[in-house]
Amino acid sequence: MKPSDRTEQESVEQSNDQLGPELKECPVCGAVGLPERIDDHNCQSFLEQRGQYKLTEDDE
């Protein structure tokens, strides 16, 4: 590995660390966000805001 390659790789790793926390996707409605917000969100409200269908009891 050339020194310039190592510097570029280290730069990419450092920028990845600065991106913030990993996002989570709701398995029911597909909403994406911070894990604590996804855990507390309302799937029905999310889908209504997107103009999508309403959830049935089977979806929840």
Protein backbone atom coordinates (compact mmCIF):
# COMPACT_ATOMS: atom_id res chain seq x y z
CA MET A 1 0.00 0.00 0.00
CA LYS A 2 1.38 3.40 -0.98
CA PRO A 3 1.49 6.14 1.67
CA SER A 4 -1.00 8.21 -0.34
CA ASP A 5 -3.43 5.26 -0.36
CA ARG A 6 -3.20 4.93 3.40
CA THR A 7 -3.91 8.63 3.89
CA GLU A 8 -6.95 8.44 1.62
CA GLN A 9 -8.25 5.33 3.40
CA GLU A 10 -7.76 6.94 6.82
CA SER A 11 -9.59 10.02 5.57
CA VAL A 12 -12.57 7.91 4.47
CA GLU A 13 -12.64 6.07 7.82
CA GLN A 14 -12.54 9.35 9.73
CA SER A 15 -15.36 10.85 7.66
CA ASN A 16 -17.47 7.71 8.27
CA ASP A 17 -17.03 8.22 12.02
CA GLN A 18 -18.39 11.76 11.67
CA LEU A 19 -21.61 10.77 9.92
CA GLY A 20 -23.51 10.17 13.14
CA PRO A 21 -25.56 7.29 14.47
CA GLU A 22 -26.81 4.52 12.24
CA LEU A 23 -30.43 4.82 11.10
CA LYS A 24 -33.05 2.12 11.56
CA GLU A 25 -35.95 1.14 9.30
CA CYS A 26 -39.36 0.21 10.71
CA PRO A 27 -40.19 -3.33 9.58
CA VAL A 28 -43.93 -2.51 9.44
CA CYS A 29 -44.18 0.77 7.51
CA GLY A 30 -40.68 1.41 6.18
CA ALA A 31 -40.06 4.68 8.05
CA VAL A 32 -36.35 5.42 8.51
CA GLY A 33 -34.83 7.39 11.36
CA LEU A 34 -32.95 7.30 14.62
CA PRO A 35 -33.56 4.03 16.46
CA GLU A 36 -35.18 5.70 19.48
CA ARG A 37 -37.57 7.63 17.23
CA ILE A 38 -38.47 4.59 15.13
CA ASP A 39 -39.20 2.65 18.33
CA ASP A 40 -41.65 5.38 19.42
CA HIS A 41 -43.20 6.42 16.08
CA ASN A 42 -46.78 5.80 14.94
CA CYS A 43 -46.86 3.74 11.72
CA GLN A 44 -50.41 4.83 10.88
CA SER A 45 -49.54 8.54 11.09
CA PHE A 46 -46.42 7.99 9.02
CA LEU A 47 -48.37 6.22 6.27
CA GLU A 48 -51.15 8.81 6.26
CA GLN A 49 -48.61 11.61 5.83
CA ARG A 50 -47.23 9.74 2.82
CA GLY A 51 -50.71 9.23 1.37
CA GLN A 52 -50.40 5.47 1.67
CA TYR A 53 -52.84 2.85 2.86
CA LYS A 54 -54.01 2.40 6.42
CA LEU A 55 -52.65 -0.46 8.46
CA THR A 56 -54.80 -3.43 9.32
CA GLU A 57 -54.48 -5.36 12.55
CA ASP A 58 -52.47 -7.99 10.67
CA ASP A 59 -49.79 -5.40 9.77
CA GLU A 60 -49.13 -4.29 13.32
